[in-house]
Amino acid sequence: MRHPARLAAALAAVAFTAPAAPALADGFSLSLAQPAEAVVGRPLVIQASGTMPPENVGFPYWFSLDAISTIVTPSCPADHFVGMQLATGTGGAIVTLAQPETPDPSGRFTIPVGVTPSAPGSLLLCAYTDNGAAGTLAAASLTLNIAPAPSSAAPAPAAPASPAKPATPANGGRVPTPQSYARQGAISCRLLLAGAKARSCVRSIVHKANARCRRLHSGRELTRCLRAVRRGAKAHA
């Protein structure tokens, strides 16, 4: 897996598209926007915003943001587990993982995601709202066409490439097991965060993985699944 900090630092754009993805659950929506021009070496804030039903404001929901090369796929997967696997399995990264969404009383929320561009290229950002188990409630995408800094000499244009066939996730598109989700999530938490924030992120990942264990298993199988989640989360401590 490419280091997420390096990939996140490669975000820069002079042109972008942000198609409005349809809500996957009634009352839930999500969108991404780049409020300012991105330049290599200059900090950039991607703005995520969304809604949830006002009656759901008291329940916890989480925001994730994945970065995937546009050579791999031109569009984001609908499921947040598949988006995570596709990003980490093809050299992309999880930019933000399991960040709590904090809505106002009407159900609206905003989340700023900060990056510092450092290299040209093209990236597809895939954002998701999930319910902490297996449910993807809303999704959005933003394509960044990356350009070098004005002071840098622009690279010679490359020969047009043939359209790339979207890659198939390494696990065939199947939802990751709770223990693999916990392991990969814990790795990303510790790569992206430090100290108390990293520990809080890992706890959130374990909570979500445990919820999936309870959804899939009972009895002894549930006990085995919960133990595997704990081992997975601690494997890269």
Protein backbone atom coordinates (compact mmCIF):
# COMPACT_ATOMS: atom_id res chain seq x y z
CA MET A 1 0.00 0.00 0.00
CA ARG A 2 1.32 3.40 -0.92
CA HIS A 3 1.84 5.66 2.09
CA PRO A 4 -1.43 7.64 2.48
CA ALA A 5 0.39 10.83 3.44
CA ARG A 6 2.33 10.72 0.17
CA LEU A 7 -0.76 10.08 -1.91
CA ALA A 8 -2.83 12.66 -0.05
CA ALA A 9 -0.03 15.14 -0.67
CA ALA A 10 -0.37 14.57 -4.41
CA LEU A 11 -3.82 16.19 -4.58
CA ALA A 12 -3.84 19.24 -6.87
CA ALA A 13 -6.19 20.38 -9.63
CA VAL A 14 -6.96 23.07 -12.14
CA ALA A 15 -10.13 21.37 -13.34
CA PHE A 16 -12.47 18.97 -11.64
CA THR A 17 -15.91 17.44 -11.75
CA ALA A 18 -18.10 16.63 -8.78
CA PRO A 19 -21.13 14.67 -9.96
CA ALA A 20 -23.91 14.57 -7.42
CA ALA A 21 -24.29 10.95 -6.41
CA PRO A 22 -27.83 9.80 -5.64
CA ALA A 23 -28.60 9.12 -2.00
CA LEU A 24 -28.44 5.43 -1.14
CA ALA A 25 -30.88 5.85 1.75
CA ASP A 26 -33.84 8.24 2.08
CA GLY A 27 -32.86 11.53 3.66
CA PHE A 28 -29.09 10.94 3.39
CA SER A 29 -26.92 12.85 0.92
CA LEU A 30 -23.23 13.63 0.43
CA SER A 31 -21.17 15.90 -1.83
CA LEU A 32 -17.54 16.98 -2.31
CA ALA A 33 -16.27 20.37 -3.44
CA GLN A 34 -12.94 22.05 -4.07
CA PRO A 35 -13.54 25.69 -3.06
CA ALA A 36 -10.18 27.00 -4.28
CA GLU A 37 -7.68 26.27 -7.05
CA ALA A 38 -5.15 23.65 -6.05
CA VAL A 39 -1.44 24.24 -6.64
CA VAL A 40 1.43 21.88 -5.93
CA GLY A 41 3.02 22.81 -2.60
CA ARG A 42 0.06 24.89 -1.42
CA PRO A 43 -2.31 23.51 1.26
CA LEU A 44 -5.77 22.65 -0.02
CA VAL A 45 -9.04 21.94 1.78
CA ILE A 46 -11.62 19.65 0.21
CA GLN A 47 -15.09 20.38 1.60
CA ALA A 48 -17.46 17.49 2.26
CA SER A 49 -21.08 18.28 3.08
CA GLY A 50 -24.16 16.20 3.55
CA THR A 51 -27.52 15.67 5.16
CA MET A 52 -29.31 13.07 7.24
CA PRO A 53 -32.94 12.91 8.40
CA PRO A 54 -33.47 15.23 11.41
CA GLU A 55 -34.91 12.33 13.38
CA ASN A 56 -31.58 10.48 12.95
CA VAL A 57 -29.39 13.27 14.33
CA GLY A 58 -28.93 11.45 17.64
CA PHE A 59 -27.51 8.33 16.00
CA PRO A 60 -23.81 7.91 15.06
CA TYR A 61 -22.75 7.94 11.40
CA TRP A 62 -19.25 7.98 9.90
CA PHE A 63 -17.52 9.67 6.97
CA SER A 64 -14.73 8.09 4.91
CA LEU A 65 -12.75 9.41 1.94
CA ASP A 66 -10.74 7.16 -0.40
CA ALA A 67 -8.32 8.17 -3.17
CA ILE A 68 -8.14 5.99 -6.30
CA SER A 69 -6.20 6.57 -9.51
CA THR A 70 -8.45 7.37 -12.46
CA ILE A 71 -6.42 4.81 -14.43
CA VAL A 72 -7.97 2.14 -12.20
CA THR A 73 -11.59 3.24 -12.49
CA PRO A 74 -13.49 6.28 -13.79
CA SER A 75 -16.20 6.08 -11.12
CA CYS A 76 -16.51 5.30 -7.42
CA PRO A 77 -17.90 1.99 -6.14
CA ALA A 78 -21.30 2.35 -4.49
CA ASP A 79 -20.26 0.42 -1.36
CA HIS A 80 -17.82 1.93 1.15
CA PHE A 81 -16.15 -1.43 1.86
CA VAL A 82 -15.48 -1.96 -1.86
CA GLY A 83 -14.18 1.62 -2.17
CA MET A 84 -11.73 1.02 0.68
CA GLN A 85 -10.49 -2.25 -0.80
CA LEU A 86 -10.16 -0.81 -4.29
CA ALA A 87 -8.15 2.15 -2.99
CA THR A 88 -5.71 0.14 -0.86
CA GLY A 89 -5.50 -2.78 -3.31
CA THR A 90 -4.49 -0.67 -6.33
CA GLY A 91 -1.94 1.75 -4.87
CA GLY A 92 -4.42 4.36 -3.63
CA ALA A 93 -5.12 5.32 -0.04
CA ILE A 94 -7.73 5.93 2.62
CA VAL A 95 -7.46 9.69 3.15
CA THR A 96 -10.03 9.88 5.98
CA LEU A 97 -11.39 6.85 7.81
CA ALA A 98 -14.41 6.55 10.12
CA GLN A 99 -14.60 10.25 11.00
CA PRO A 100 -17.76 11.00 13.01
CA GLU A 101 -20.33 13.19 11.24
CA THR A 102 -21.61 15.98 13.51
CA PRO A 103 -24.87 17.40 12.14
CA ASP A 104 -26.87 20.43 13.22
CA PRO A 105 -30.47 19.93 14.41
CA SER A 106 -31.72 19.94 10.81
CA GLY A 107 -29.35 17.08 9.89
CA ARG A 108 -26.82 19.08 7.86
CA PHE A 109 -23.06 18.72 8.37
CA THR A 110 -19.75 19.77 6.81
CA ILE A 111 -16.33 18.14 7.08
CA PRO A 112 -13.11 19.82 5.84
CA VAL A 113 -10.34 17.49 4.63
CA GLY A 114 -6.91 19.11 4.44
CA VAL A 115 -4.12 18.03 2.07
CA THR A 116 -0.94 19.57 0.66
CA PRO A 117 -0.45 18.87 -3.07
CA SER A 118 3.04 17.83 -4.14
CA ALA A 119 2.85 16.01 -7.48
CA PRO A 120 0.84 16.10 -10.71
CA GLY A 121 -1.54 13.33 -11.72
CA SER A 122 -5.21 12.46 -11.68
CA LEU A 123 -7.15 11.10 -8.71
CA LEU A 124 -10.70 10.06 -8.02
CA LEU A 125 -11.90 10.91 -4.51
CA CYS A 126 -14.70 8.67 -3.23
CA ALA A 127 -16.64 9.78 -0.14
CA TYR A 128 -19.08 7.70 1.90
CA THR A 129 -21.46 7.93 4.83
CA ASP A 130 -21.95 4.61 6.65
CA ASN A 131 -23.84 3.43 9.70
CA GLY A 132 -21.02 1.61 11.46
CA ALA A 133 -22.05 -1.86 10.28
CA ALA A 134 -22.42 -2.82 6.62
CA GLY A 135 -24.72 -0.06 5.41
CA THR A 136 -23.56 2.60 2.93
CA LEU A 137 -26.09 5.41 3.23
CA ALA A 138 -24.70 8.04 0.84
CA ALA A 139 -21.78 8.45 -1.58
CA ALA A 140 -20.11 11.21 -3.60
CA SER A 141 -17.11 11.63 -5.89
CA LEU A 142 -14.69 14.31 -7.01
CA THR A 143 -12.18 13.94 -9.87
CA LEU A 144 -9.01 16.02 -9.53
CA ASN A 145 -6.94 16.71 -12.65
CA ILE A 146 -3.56 17.48 -11.14
CA ALA A 147 -1.19 20.12 -12.54
CA PRO A 148 2.35 21.16 -11.55
CA ALA A 149 3.07 24.37 -9.65
CA PRO A 150 3.33 27.52 -11.84
CA SER A 151 7.03 27.86 -11.04
CA SER A 152 7.76 24.35 -12.29
CA ALA A 153 8.29 23.54 -15.91
CA ALA A 154 5.30 21.70 -17.26
CA PRO A 155 6.10 18.14 -18.36
CA ALA A 156 5.98 17.27 -22.03
CA PRO A 157 2.53 15.97 -22.99
CA ALA A 158 2.35 12.21 -23.04
CA ALA A 159 0.97 10.24 -25.94
CA PRO A 160 -2.75 9.56 -25.53
CA ALA A 161 -3.32 6.31 -23.71
CA SER A 162 -5.97 3.76 -24.49
CA PRO A 163 -8.90 3.87 -22.10
CA ALA A 164 -8.09 1.72 -19.11
CA LYS A 165 -10.40 -1.10 -18.17
CA PRO A 166 -11.70 -0.61 -14.62
CA ALA A 167 -9.80 -2.86 -12.28
CA THR A 168 -11.54 -5.60 -10.34
CA PRO A 169 -10.90 -5.55 -6.59
CA ALA A 170 -8.42 -8.19 -5.50
CA ASN A 171 -11.11 -10.04 -3.56
CA GLY A 172 -13.52 -10.06 -6.51
CA GLY A 173 -15.65 -7.25 -5.09
CA ARG A 174 -16.68 -9.17 -1.95
CA VAL A 175 -17.15 -7.24 1.30
CA PRO A 176 -14.04 -7.57 3.51
CA THR A 177 -14.29 -9.82 6.55
CA PRO A 178 -14.59 -8.04 9.91
CA GLN A 179 -11.03 -9.02 10.84
CA SER A 180 -9.53 -7.80 7.54
CA TYR A 181 -11.49 -4.55 7.87
CA ALA A 182 -10.15 -4.09 11.42
CA ARG A 183 -6.56 -4.86 10.33
CA GLN A 184 -6.57 -2.51 7.32
CA GLY A 185 -8.46 0.19 9.20
CA ALA A 186 -6.01 0.11 12.12
CA ILE A 187 -3.07 0.41 9.72
CA SER A 188 -4.65 3.47 8.08
CA CYS A 189 -5.46 5.05 11.46
CA ARG A 190 -1.83 4.81 12.56
CA LEU A 191 -0.46 6.03 9.23
CA LEU A 192 -2.76 9.04 9.04
CA LEU A 193 -3.04 10.00 12.71
CA ALA A 194 -1.00 10.05 15.90
CA GLY A 195 -1.49 9.85 19.66
CA ALA A 196 -5.02 10.06 21.04
CA LYS A 197 -6.55 10.62 17.60
CA ALA A 198 -5.02 7.39 16.29
CA ARG A 199 -6.27 5.44 19.31
CA SER A 200 -9.76 6.90 18.93
CA CYS A 201 -9.75 6.01 15.22
CA VAL A 202 -8.73 2.40 15.98
CA ARG A 203 -11.46 2.10 18.63
CA SER A 204 -14.03 3.28 16.09
CA ILE A 205 -12.78 0.71 13.55
CA VAL A 206 -12.98 -2.10 16.13
CA HIS A 207 -16.51 -1.01 17.09
CA LYS A 208 -17.63 -1.17 13.45
CA ALA A 209 -15.93 -4.53 12.87
CA ASN A 210 -17.53 -5.97 16.03
CA ALA A 211 -20.93 -4.79 14.82
CA ARG A 212 -20.40 -6.69 11.59
CA CYS A 213 -19.36 -9.81 13.57
CA ARG A 214 -22.64 -9.66 15.48
CA ARG A 215 -24.56 -9.24 12.25
CA LEU A 216 -22.93 -12.29 10.64
CA HIS A 217 -22.42 -14.74 13.51
CA SER A 218 -23.72 -16.01 16.83
CA GLY A 219 -22.50 -18.33 19.59
CA ARG A 220 -18.96 -19.67 19.23
CA GLU A 221 -18.54 -18.20 15.75
CA LEU A 222 -19.31 -14.75 17.14
CA THR A 223 -16.68 -15.22 19.87
CA ARG A 224 -14.08 -16.30 17.29
CA CYS A 225 -14.94 -13.32 15.07
CA LEU A 226 -14.61 -10.82 17.93
CA ARG A 227 -11.23 -12.29 18.93
CA ALA A 228 -10.03 -12.12 15.31
CA VAL A 229 -11.04 -8.46 15.15
CA ARG A 230 -8.99 -7.68 18.28
CA ARG A 231 -5.97 -9.52 16.87
CA GLY A 232 -6.30 -7.75 13.55
CA ALA A 233 -6.46 -4.32 15.18
CA LYS A 234 -3.39 -5.04 17.35
CA ALA A 235 -1.26 -6.74 14.67
CA HIS A 236 0.34 -3.49 13.51
CA ALA A 237 0.34 -1.55 16.78
